[in-house]
C-alpha atoms as a PDB file:
ATOM      1  CA  UNK A   1       1.876 -15.948   3.869  1.00  0.00           C
ATOM      2  CA  UNK A   2      -1.621 -16.848   5.022  1.00  0.00           C
ATOM      3  CA  UNK A   3      -4.163 -14.437   3.590  1.00  0.00           C
ATOM      4  CA  UNK A   4      -6.463 -14.570   6.617  1.00  0.00           C
ATOM      5  CA  UNK A   5     -10.178 -15.126   6.357  1.00  0.00           C
ATOM      6  CA  UNK A   6     -11.986 -12.448   8.354  1.00  0.00           C
ATOM      7  CA  UNK A   7     -14.071 -13.594  11.307  1.00  0.00           C
ATOM      8  CA  UNK A   8     -16.879 -12.006  13.269  1.00  0.00           C
ATOM      9  CA  UNK A   9     -15.252 -11.105  16.604  1.00  0.00           C
ATOM     10  CA  UNK A  10     -14.294  -7.494  17.296  1.00  0.00           C
ATOM     11  CA  UNK A  11     -12.938  -6.460  20.676  1.00  0.00           C
ATOM     12  CA  UNK A  12     -13.110  -2.781  21.572  1.00  0.00           C
ATOM     13  CA  UNK A  13     -10.895  -2.425  24.635  1.00  0.00           C
ATOM     14  CA  UNK A  14      -8.149   0.149  24.068  1.00  0.00           C
ATOM     15  CA  UNK A  15      -4.712  -1.174  25.191  1.00  0.00           C
ATOM     16  CA  UNK A  16      -2.568   0.972  27.452  1.00  0.00           C
ATOM     17  CA  UNK A  17       1.073   1.732  26.758  1.00  0.00           C
ATOM     18  CA  UNK A  18       2.095  -0.691  29.500  1.00  0.00           C
ATOM     19  CA  UNK A  19       0.082  -3.423  27.805  1.00  0.00           C
ATOM     20  CA  UNK A  20       1.897  -2.977  24.524  1.00  0.00           C
ATOM     21  CA  UNK A  21       5.277  -2.959  26.177  1.00  0.00           C
ATOM     22  CA  UNK A  22       6.386   0.678  26.301  1.00  0.00           C
ATOM     23  CA  UNK A  23       6.014   3.943  28.161  1.00  0.00           C
ATOM     24  CA  UNK A  24       6.491   6.292  25.210  1.00  0.00           C
ATOM     25  CA  UNK A  25       3.699   7.143  22.773  1.00  0.00           C
ATOM     26  CA  UNK A  26       3.677   4.918  19.695  1.00  0.00           C
ATOM     27  CA  UNK A  27       1.935   5.192  16.365  1.00  0.00           C
ATOM     28  CA  UNK A  28      -1.200   3.059  15.872  1.00  0.00           C
ATOM     29  CA  UNK A  29       0.757   0.927  13.402  1.00  0.00           C
ATOM     30  CA  UNK A  30       3.559   0.266  15.899  1.00  0.00           C
ATOM     31  CA  UNK A  31       1.118  -0.261  18.780  1.00  0.00           C
ATOM     32  CA  UNK A  32      -0.909  -2.853  16.882  1.00  0.00           C
ATOM     33  CA  UNK A  33       2.181  -4.796  15.848  1.00  0.00           C
ATOM     34  CA  UNK A  34       3.614  -4.719  19.361  1.00  0.00           C
ATOM     35  CA  UNK A  35       0.326  -5.899  20.833  1.00  0.00           C
ATOM     36  CA  UNK A  36       0.118  -8.659  18.222  1.00  0.00           C
ATOM     37  CA  UNK A  37       3.653  -9.804  19.050  1.00  0.00           C
ATOM     38  CA  UNK A  38       2.739 -10.021  22.743  1.00  0.00           C
ATOM     39  CA  UNK A  39      -0.403 -12.010  22.038  1.00  0.00           C
ATOM     40  CA  UNK A  40       1.313 -14.322  19.585  1.00  0.00           C
ATOM     41  CA  UNK A  41       3.835 -15.291  22.260  1.00  0.00           C
ATOM     42  CA  UNK A  42       0.946 -16.131  24.584  1.00  0.00           C
ATOM     43  CA  UNK A  43      -1.174 -17.837  21.933  1.00  0.00           C
ATOM     44  CA  UNK A  44       1.022 -19.094  19.065  1.00  0.00           C
ATOM     45  CA  UNK A  45      -1.715 -21.430  17.822  1.00  0.00           C
ATOM     46  CA  UNK A  46      -3.502 -18.528  16.157  1.00  0.00           C
ATOM     47  CA  UNK A  47      -1.506 -17.133  13.238  1.00  0.00           C
ATOM     48  CA  UNK A  48       0.333 -13.862  13.776  1.00  0.00           C
ATOM     49  CA  UNK A  49      -1.558 -12.055  11.021  1.00  0.00           C
ATOM     50  CA  UNK A  50      -4.866 -12.752  12.736  1.00  0.00           C
ATOM     51  CA  UNK A  51      -3.465 -11.326  15.967  1.00  0.00           C
ATOM     52  CA  UNK A  52      -2.321  -8.265  14.016  1.00  0.00           C
ATOM     53  CA  UNK A  53      -5.637  -7.457  12.343  1.00  0.00           C
ATOM     54  CA  UNK A  54      -7.487  -7.997  15.622  1.00  0.00           C
ATOM     55  CA  UNK A  55      -5.090  -5.668  17.449  1.00  0.00           C
ATOM     56  CA  UNK A  56      -5.493  -3.075  14.688  1.00  0.00           C
ATOM     57  CA  UNK A  57      -9.274  -3.326  15.027  1.00  0.00           C
ATOM     58  CA  UNK A  58      -9.088  -2.725  18.764  1.00  0.00           C
ATOM     59  CA  UNK A  59      -7.208   0.523  18.194  1.00  0.00           C
ATOM     60  CA  UNK A  60      -9.789   1.640  15.622  1.00  0.00           C
ATOM     61  CA  UNK A  61     -13.085  -0.233  16.164  1.00  0.00           C
ATOM     62  CA  UNK A  62     -15.297  -0.398  13.079  1.00  0.00           C
ATOM     63  CA  UNK A  63     -18.645  -1.914  12.212  1.00  0.00           C
ATOM     64  CA  UNK A  64     -18.313  -4.902   9.910  1.00  0.00           C
ATOM     65  CA  UNK A  65     -19.390  -4.344   6.298  1.00  0.00           C
ATOM     66  CA  UNK A  66     -22.192  -6.621   5.051  1.00  0.00           C
ATOM     67  CA  UNK A  67     -21.379  -9.495   2.715  1.00  0.00           C
ATOM     68  CA  UNK A  68     -23.486  -7.837  -0.005  1.00  0.00           C
ATOM     69  CA  UNK A  69     -20.699  -5.258  -0.373  1.00  0.00           C
ATOM     70  CA  UNK A  70     -18.420  -7.865  -1.991  1.00  0.00           C
ATOM     71  CA  UNK A  71     -18.743  -6.803  -5.630  1.00  0.00           C
ATOM     72  CA  UNK A  72     -16.649  -7.798  -8.646  1.00  0.00           C
ATOM     73  CA  UNK A  73     -16.224  -4.145  -9.553  1.00  0.00           C
ATOM     74  CA  UNK A  74     -14.893  -3.546  -6.040  1.00  0.00           C
ATOM     75  CA  UNK A  75     -11.640  -5.291  -6.953  1.00  0.00           C
ATOM     76  CA  UNK A  76      -9.301  -3.155  -9.015  1.00  0.00           C
ATOM     77  CA  UNK A  77      -5.630  -2.686  -9.717  1.00  0.00           C
ATOM     78  CA  UNK A  78      -3.882  -0.174  -7.462  1.00  0.00           C
ATOM     79  CA  UNK A  79      -0.480   1.499  -7.240  1.00  0.00           C
ATOM     80  CA  UNK A  80       2.506   0.156  -5.355  1.00  0.00           C
ATOM     81  CA  UNK A  81       2.255   3.058  -2.894  1.00  0.00           C
ATOM     82  CA  UNK A  82      -1.405   2.300  -2.127  1.00  0.00           C
ATOM     83  CA  UNK A  83      -0.637  -1.363  -1.559  1.00  0.00           C
ATOM     84  CA  UNK A  84       2.458  -0.648   0.558  1.00  0.00           C
ATOM     85  CA  UNK A  85       0.558   1.551   3.007  1.00  0.00           C
ATOM     86  CA  UNK A  86      -2.020  -1.182   3.595  1.00  0.00           C
ATOM     87  CA  UNK A  87       0.424  -4.115   3.748  1.00  0.00           C
ATOM     88  CA  UNK A  88       2.768  -2.339   6.148  1.00  0.00           C
ATOM     89  CA  UNK A  89      -0.073  -1.887   8.602  1.00  0.00           C
ATOM     90  CA  UNK A  90      -2.016  -5.139   8.366  1.00  0.00           C
ATOM     91  CA  UNK A  91       0.165  -7.886   6.871  1.00  0.00           C
ATOM     92  CA  UNK A  92       2.381 -10.263   8.848  1.00  0.00           C
ATOM     93  CA  UNK A  93       5.665  -9.419   7.120  1.00  0.00           C
ATOM     94  CA  UNK A  94       4.970  -5.685   7.138  1.00  0.00           C
ATOM     95  CA  UNK A  95       6.895  -4.998   3.927  1.00  0.00           C
ATOM     96  CA  UNK A  96       5.844  -5.104   0.303  1.00  0.00           C
ATOM     97  CA  UNK A  97       8.871  -6.898  -1.104  1.00  0.00           C
ATOM     98  CA  UNK A  98       9.472  -7.027  -4.841  1.00  0.00           C
ATOM     99  CA  UNK A  99       5.906  -6.996  -6.063  1.00  0.00           C
ATOM    100  CA  UNK A 100       4.983  -5.818  -9.518  1.00  0.00           C
ATOM    101  CA  UNK A 101       1.159  -5.994  -9.691  1.00  0.00           C
ATOM    102  CA  UNK A 102      -1.203  -4.900  -6.932  1.00  0.00           C
ATOM    103  CA  UNK A 103      -4.942  -5.203  -6.313  1.00  0.00           C
ATOM    104  CA  UNK A 104      -7.235  -3.602  -3.769  1.00  0.00           C
ATOM    105  CA  UNK A 105     -10.645  -4.610  -2.446  1.00  0.00           C
ATOM    106  CA  UNK A 106     -12.926  -1.574  -2.156  1.00  0.00           C
ATOM    107  CA  UNK A 107     -16.271  -1.062  -0.492  1.00  0.00           C
ATOM    108  CA  UNK A 108     -19.033   0.968  -2.202  1.00  0.00           C
ATOM    109  CA  UNK A 109     -18.039   4.008  -0.095  1.00  0.00           C
ATOM    110  CA  UNK A 110     -14.491   3.867  -1.497  1.00  0.00           C
ATOM    111  CA  UNK A 111     -12.680   2.412   1.527  1.00  0.00           C
ATOM    112  CA  UNK A 112     -10.002  -0.160   0.695  1.00  0.00           C
ATOM    113  CA  UNK A 113     -10.351  -3.164   3.014  1.00  0.00           C
ATOM    114  CA  UNK A 114      -7.948  -5.601   1.347  1.00  0.00           C
ATOM    115  CA  UNK A 115      -4.733  -5.655  -0.667  1.00  0.00           C
ATOM    116  CA  UNK A 116      -2.909  -8.312  -2.678  1.00  0.00           C
ATOM    117  CA  UNK A 117       0.572  -8.177  -4.175  1.00  0.00           C
ATOM    118  CA  UNK A 118       1.794 -10.386  -7.037  1.00  0.00           C
ATOM    119  CA  UNK A 119       5.308 -10.773  -8.397  1.00  0.00           C
ATOM    120  CA  UNK A 120       7.038 -12.942 -10.964  1.00  0.00           C
ATOM    121  CA  UNK A 121       9.820 -15.117  -9.597  1.00  0.00           C
ATOM    122  CA  UNK A 122      12.563 -16.696 -11.652  1.00  0.00           C
ATOM    123  CA  UNK A 123      14.818 -19.572 -10.758  1.00  0.00           C
ATOM    124  CA  UNK A 124      13.747 -22.650  -8.858  1.00  0.00           C
ATOM    125  CA  UNK A 125      10.959 -21.182  -6.752  1.00  0.00           C
ATOM    126  CA  UNK A 126       8.890 -20.218  -9.793  1.00  0.00           C
ATOM    127  CA  UNK A 127       9.608 -23.417 -11.680  1.00  0.00           C
ATOM    128  CA  UNK A 128       6.399 -25.303 -10.984  1.00  0.00           C
ATOM    129  CA  UNK A 129       5.420 -26.387 -14.487  1.00  0.00           C
ATOM    130  CA  UNK A 130       8.725 -26.211 -16.354  1.00  0.00           C
ATOM    131  CA  UNK A 131      10.345 -23.591 -18.628  1.00  0.00           C
ATOM    132  CA  UNK A 132       7.290 -23.329 -20.892  1.00  0.00           C
ATOM    133  CA  UNK A 133       5.431 -21.639 -18.027  1.00  0.00           C
ATOM    134  CA  UNK A 134       8.252 -19.350 -16.881  1.00  0.00           C
ATOM    135  CA  UNK A 135       6.427 -16.268 -18.156  1.00  0.00           C
ATOM    136  CA  UNK A 136       3.016 -17.552 -17.064  1.00  0.00           C
ATOM    137  CA  UNK A 137       3.758 -18.060 -13.360  1.00  0.00           C
ATOM    138  CA  UNK A 138       3.194 -15.543 -10.556  1.00  0.00           C
ATOM    139  CA  UNK A 139       3.706 -15.501  -6.814  1.00  0.00           C
ATOM    140  CA  UNK A 140       0.971 -14.203  -4.517  1.00  0.00           C
ATOM    141  CA  UNK A 141       3.590 -12.650  -2.256  1.00  0.00           C
ATOM    142  CA  UNK A 142       1.482 -10.541   0.117  1.00  0.00           C
ATOM    143  CA  UNK A 143      -2.186 -10.298   0.974  1.00  0.00           C
ATOM    144  CA  UNK A 144      -4.567  -9.420   3.769  1.00  0.00           C
ATOM    145  CA  UNK A 145      -7.948  -7.941   4.670  1.00  0.00           C
ATOM    146  CA  UNK A 146      -8.984  -5.844   7.662  1.00  0.00           C
ATOM    147  CA  UNK A 147     -11.248  -7.309  10.318  1.00  0.00           C
ATOM    148  CA  UNK A 148     -14.224  -5.142   9.377  1.00  0.00           C
ATOM    149  CA  UNK A 149     -14.153  -6.398   5.776  1.00  0.00           C
ATOM    150  CA  UNK A 150     -17.214  -8.512   4.895  1.00  0.00           C
ATOM    151  CA  UNK A 151     -17.347 -12.192   5.792  1.00  0.00           C
ATOM    152  CA  UNK A 152     -15.466 -14.294   3.204  1.00  0.00           C
ATOM    153  CA  UNK A 153     -13.613 -11.198   1.953  1.00  0.00           C
ATOM    154  CA  UNK A 154     -10.261 -13.009   1.838  1.00  0.00           C
ATOM    155  CA  UNK A 155     -11.398 -15.860  -0.392  1.00  0.00           C
ATOM    156  CA  UNK A 156     -13.548 -13.631  -2.627  1.00  0.00           C
ATOM    157  CA  UNK A 157     -10.794 -11.066  -3.074  1.00  0.00           C
ATOM    158  CA  UNK A 158      -8.018 -13.572  -3.771  1.00  0.00           C
ATOM    159  CA  UNK A 159     -10.046 -15.497  -6.356  1.00  0.00           C
ATOM    160  CA  UNK A 160     -11.131 -12.277  -8.087  1.00  0.00           C
ATOM    161  CA  UNK A 161      -7.591 -10.847  -8.095  1.00  0.00           C
ATOM    162  CA  UNK A 162      -6.284 -13.987  -9.781  1.00  0.00           C
ATOM    163  CA  UNK A 163      -8.973 -13.937 -12.462  1.00  0.00           C
ATOM    164  CA  UNK A 164      -8.155 -10.303 -13.234  1.00  0.00           C
ATOM    165  CA  UNK A 165      -4.404 -10.979 -13.311  1.00  0.00           C
ATOM    166  CA  UNK A 166      -4.934 -13.909 -15.678  1.00  0.00           C
ATOM    167  CA  UNK A 167      -7.100 -11.789 -17.983  1.00  0.00           C
ATOM    168  CA  UNK A 168      -4.596  -8.910 -18.131  1.00  0.00           C
ATOM    169  CA  UNK A 169      -1.183 -10.552 -17.759  1.00  0.00           C
ATOM    170  CA  UNK A 170      -1.806 -14.120 -18.927  1.00  0.00           C
ATOM    171  CA  UNK A 171      -0.530 -15.747 -15.743  1.00  0.00           C
ATOM    172  CA  UNK A 172      -1.842 -19.298 -15.459  1.00  0.00           C
ATOM    173  CA  UNK A 173       0.131 -20.728 -12.524  1.00  0.00           C
ATOM    174  CA  UNK A 174      -0.005 -19.065  -9.105  1.00  0.00           C
ATOM    175  CA  UNK A 175       1.873 -20.050  -5.974  1.00  0.00           C
ATOM    176  CA  UNK A 176       2.091 -18.850  -2.378  1.00  0.00           C
ATOM    177  CA  UNK A 177       3.726 -19.833   0.887  1.00  0.00           C
ATOM    178  CA  UNK A 178       2.725 -20.388   4.504  1.00  0.00           C
ATOM    179  CA  UNK A 179       5.242 -19.579   7.230  1.00  0.00           C
ATOM    180  CA  UNK A 180       5.270 -21.943  10.239  1.00  0.00           C
ATOM    181  CA  UNK A 181       7.093 -19.239  12.234  1.00  0.00           C
ATOM    182  CA  UNK A 182       3.816 -17.294  12.095  1.00  0.00           C
ATOM    183  CA  UNK A 183       1.644 -20.405  12.677  1.00  0.00           C
ATOM    184  CA  UNK A 184       0.379 -20.314   9.099  1.00  0.00           C
ATOM    185  CA  UNK A 185      -0.876 -23.530   7.524  1.00  0.00           C
ATOM    186  CA  UNK A 186      -2.557 -22.371   4.312  1.00  0.00           C
ATOM    187  CA  UNK A 187      -6.125 -22.072   5.618  1.00  0.00           C
ATOM    188  CA  UNK A 188      -7.172 -19.643   2.889  1.00  0.00           C
ATOM    189  CA  UNK A 189      -5.686 -21.804   0.135  1.00  0.00           C
ATOM    190  CA  UNK A 190      -7.547 -24.826   1.434  1.00  0.00           C
ATOM    191  CA  UNK A 191     -10.804 -22.849   1.334  1.00  0.00           C
ATOM    192  CA  UNK A 192     -10.043 -21.889  -2.274  1.00  0.00           C
ATOM    193  CA  UNK A 193      -9.212 -25.497  -3.281  1.00  0.00           C
ATOM    194  CA  UNK A 194      -5.578 -24.762  -4.067  1.00  0.00           C
ATOM    195  CA  UNK A 195      -3.047 -27.601  -4.174  1.00  0.00           C
ATOM    196  CA  UNK A 196      -0.475 -28.211  -1.474  1.00  0.00           C
ATOM    197  CA  UNK A 197       2.904 -28.971  -3.072  1.00  0.00           C
ATOM    198  CA  UNK A 198       4.914 -29.653   0.083  1.00  0.00           C
ATOM    199  CA  UNK A 199       7.518 -27.902   2.232  1.00  0.00           C
ATOM    200  CA  UNK A 200      11.181 -27.176   1.568  1.00  0.00           C
ATOM    201  CA  UNK A 201      10.885 -27.882  -2.150  1.00  0.00           C
ATOM    202  CA  UNK A 202      13.957 -25.864  -3.125  1.00  0.00           C
ATOM    203  CA  UNK A 203      15.934 -26.752  -0.014  1.00  0.00           C
ATOM    204  CA  UNK A 204      15.477 -29.115   2.890  1.00  0.00           C
ATOM    205  CA  UNK A 205      16.207 -29.206   6.584  1.00  0.00           C
ATOM    206  CA  UNK A 206      15.080 -25.631   7.123  1.00  0.00           C
ATOM    207  CA  UNK A 207      16.809 -22.385   6.205  1.00  0.00           C
ATOM    208  CA  UNK A 208      18.960 -20.113   8.317  1.00  0.00           C
ATOM    209  CA  UNK A 209      18.212 -16.445   8.965  1.00  0.00           C
ATOM    210  CA  UNK A 210      19.948 -13.987  11.304  1.00  0.00           C
ATOM    211  CA  UNK A 211      18.315 -12.378  14.370  1.00  0.00           C
ATOM    212  CA  UNK A 212      19.174  -9.594  16.805  1.00  0.00           C
ATOM    213  CA  UNK A 213      17.005  -7.352  19.011  1.00  0.00           C
ATOM    214  CA  UNK A 214      13.832  -8.299  17.167  1.00  0.00           C
ATOM    215  CA  UNK A 215      15.388  -7.695  13.749  1.00  0.00           C
ATOM    216  CA  UNK A 216      15.701 -10.387  11.105  1.00  0.00           C
ATOM    217  CA  UNK A 217      17.959 -10.612   8.060  1.00  0.00           C
ATOM    218  CA  UNK A 218      17.024 -13.305   5.589  1.00  0.00           C
ATOM    219  CA  UNK A 219      19.801 -15.659   4.560  1.00  0.00           C
ATOM    220  CA  UNK A 220      19.630 -14.772   0.874  1.00  0.00           C
ATOM    221  CA  UNK A 221      20.015 -11.055   1.658  1.00  0.00           C
ATOM    222  CA  UNK A 222      23.313 -11.463   3.527  1.00  0.00           C
ATOM    223  CA  UNK A 223      25.385 -11.705   0.350  1.00  0.00           C
ATOM    224  CA  UNK A 224      23.090  -9.932  -2.137  1.00  0.00           C
ATOM    225  CA  UNK A 225      24.643  -6.749  -3.598  1.00  0.00           C
ATOM    226  CA  UNK A 226      27.753  -7.121  -1.474  1.00  0.00           C
ATOM    227  CA  UNK A 227      25.819  -7.099   1.785  1.00  0.00           C
ATOM    228  CA  UNK A 228      23.650  -4.046   1.113  1.00  0.00           C
ATOM    229  CA  UNK A 229      20.973  -5.302   3.530  1.00  0.00           C
ATOM    230  CA  UNK A 230      23.478  -5.062   6.404  1.00  0.00           C
ATOM    231  CA  UNK A 231      24.390  -1.407   5.846  1.00  0.00           C
ATOM    232  CA  UNK A 232      21.738   0.037   8.173  1.00  0.00           C
ATOM    233  CA  UNK A 233      23.232  -2.086  10.970  1.00  0.00           C
ATOM    234  CA  UNK A 234      26.746  -0.692  10.450  1.00  0.00           C
ATOM    235  CA  UNK A 235      28.302  -3.030   7.873  1.00  0.00           C
ATOM    236  CA  UNK A 236      30.407  -1.550   5.075  1.00  0.00           C
ATOM    237  CA  UNK A 237      29.275  -3.139   1.791  1.00  0.00           C
ATOM    238  CA  UNK A 238      31.825  -4.808  -0.390  1.00  0.00           C
ATOM    239  CA  UNK A 239      34.241  -5.577   2.448  1.00  0.00           C
ATOM    240  CA  UNK A 240      33.290  -9.252   2.566  1.00  0.00           C
ATOM    241  CA  UNK A 241      33.142 -11.508   5.598  1.00  0.00           C
ATOM    242  CA  UNK A 242      29.423 -11.013   6.187  1.00  0.00           C
ATOM    243  CA  UNK A 243      28.963 -14.089   8.368  1.00  0.00           C
ATOM    244  CA  UNK A 244      31.971 -13.217  10.546  1.00  0.00           C
ATOM    245  CA  UNK A 245      30.724  -9.619  10.861  1.00  0.00           C
ATOM    246  CA  UNK A 246      27.238 -10.745  11.878  1.00  0.00           C
ATOM    247  CA  UNK A 247      28.577 -13.076  14.569  1.00  0.00           C
ATOM    248  CA  UNK A 248      31.017 -10.448  15.871  1.00  0.00           C
ATOM    249  CA  UNK A 249      28.170  -7.956  16.198  1.00  0.00           C
ATOM    250  CA  UNK A 250      25.864 -10.171  18.213  1.00  0.00           C
ATOM    251  CA  UNK A 251      23.640 -11.615  15.481  1.00  0.00           C
ATOM    252  CA  UNK A 252      22.332 -15.140  16.015  1.00  0.00           C
ATOM    253  CA  UNK A 253      21.919 -17.606  13.181  1.00  0.00           C
ATOM    254  CA  UNK A 254      18.818 -19.774  13.545  1.00  0.00           C
ATOM    255  CA  UNK A 255      17.440 -22.623  11.514  1.00  0.00           C
ATOM    256  CA  UNK A 256      13.844 -21.825  10.610  1.00  0.00           C
ATOM    257  CA  UNK A 257      11.377 -24.531   9.540  1.00  0.00           C
ATOM    258  CA  UNK A 258      10.598 -24.811   5.854  1.00  0.00           C
ATOM    259  CA  UNK A 259       7.615 -22.934   4.483  1.00  0.00           C
ATOM    260  CA  UNK A 260       4.678 -24.732   2.923  1.00  0.00           C
ATOM    261  CA  UNK A 261       4.037 -24.102  -0.770  1.00  0.00           C
ATOM    262  CA  UNK A 262       0.645 -23.988  -2.497  1.00  0.00           C
ATOM    263  CA  UNK A 263      -0.431 -23.487  -6.103  1.00  0.00           C
ATOM    264  CA  UNK A 264      -3.427 -22.727  -8.271  1.00  0.00           C
ATOM    265  CA  UNK A 265      -4.029 -23.076 -12.025  1.00  0.00           C
ATOM    266  CA  UNK A 266      -6.101 -20.422 -13.771  1.00  0.00           C
ATOM    267  CA  UNK A 267      -7.524 -20.337 -17.299  1.00  0.00           C
ATOM    268  CA  UNK A 268      -9.957 -22.196 -19.483  1.00  0.00           C
ATOM    269  CA  UNK A 269     -10.381 -25.954 -19.106  1.00  0.00           C
ATOM    270  CA  UNK A 270      -7.776 -26.758 -21.736  1.00  0.00           C
ATOM    271  CA  UNK A 271      -5.194 -24.441 -20.192  1.00  0.00           C
ATOM    272  CA  UNK A 272      -5.786 -25.782 -16.695  1.00  0.00           C
ATOM    273  CA  UNK A 273      -5.472 -29.404 -17.860  1.00  0.00           C
ATOM    274  CA  UNK A 274      -2.222 -28.621 -19.670  1.00  0.00           C
ATOM    275  CA  UNK A 275      -0.718 -26.793 -16.697  1.00  0.00           C
ATOM    276  CA  UNK A 276      -1.632 -29.588 -14.299  1.00  0.00           C
ATOM    277  CA  UNK A 277      -0.109 -32.156 -16.639  1.00  0.00           C
ATOM    278  CA  UNK A 278       3.110 -30.112 -16.771  1.00  0.00           C
ATOM    279  CA  UNK A 279       3.336 -29.645 -12.995  1.00  0.00           C
ATOM    280  CA  UNK A 280       6.564 -31.026 -11.550  1.00  0.00           C
ATOM    281  CA  UNK A 281       4.974 -31.884  -8.204  1.00  0.00           C
ATOM    282  CA  UNK A 282       2.249 -34.281  -7.070  1.00  0.00           C
ATOM    283  CA  UNK A 283      -1.141 -32.623  -6.677  1.00  0.00           C
ATOM    284  CA  UNK A 284      -2.679 -35.062  -4.198  1.00  0.00           C
ATOM    285  CA  UNK A 285      -0.829 -34.186  -0.981  1.00  0.00           C
ATOM    286  CA  UNK A 286      -3.013 -33.548   2.104  1.00  0.00           C
ATOM    287  CA  UNK A 287      -2.997 -30.044   3.534  1.00  0.00           C
ATOM    288  CA  UNK A 288      -0.840 -29.471   6.617  1.00  0.00           C
ATOM    289  CA  UNK A 289      -2.478 -29.259  10.013  1.00  0.00           C
ATOM    290  CA  UNK A 290      -1.731 -26.868  12.852  1.00  0.00           C
END
């Protein structure tokens, strides 16, 4: 996930149905995502999430809020439902996942222009500083801001969310990913002086997911809960043979490139020094380029 810094451009042309690839009326959410998918195919250098928030802005043009509207009190904890509505519309993945703590960025008039989702992750992916930090580590799993949010909203909001999460939940180690499939390279994390840990840290040589008709099933979900993730596509859970069923039903297995991983240490000087010293990875790697 790249939590995209908001820029200054704002196009106002309304796309037609033919431009977004369909003749039937579509919801603004669907239209924006379809338009973003078209543009990403044409210009894959720009990350998909940027295409998405620009397409959303074209369907609902708004005047950009001034930078003075970025206030500490404008960041507050929100409900899962509030976060889900925002993430589904503006974030690359379009789903909230297994988050547990959510923050919103609000303007003085009450409009929410940003959302962040944190979750705790066990196992290898959350093991950045060893078992001592198992309960002090959180994943910034989702995050985005709308295009009419103030300049620097992404960096301000992310830094403030982390400080609030540390104060309330005691999390000291934060990590996030960038997805090369969406042309993400951790731009926001570089702006915030995070550390790049590398790619494919828990596996190497890429990971395989399954694709069909624009749908994607992540590799780990194929066998979770007896294949529950496959049910909506016609699979009967608990019958086994998930891979054979996927192939027989036209699903294609693809090797996706490894995601980049980034981390941040929050706390007082002593806590930050201790967490850095405990980190299992080198902290001097250069950031990836496009």
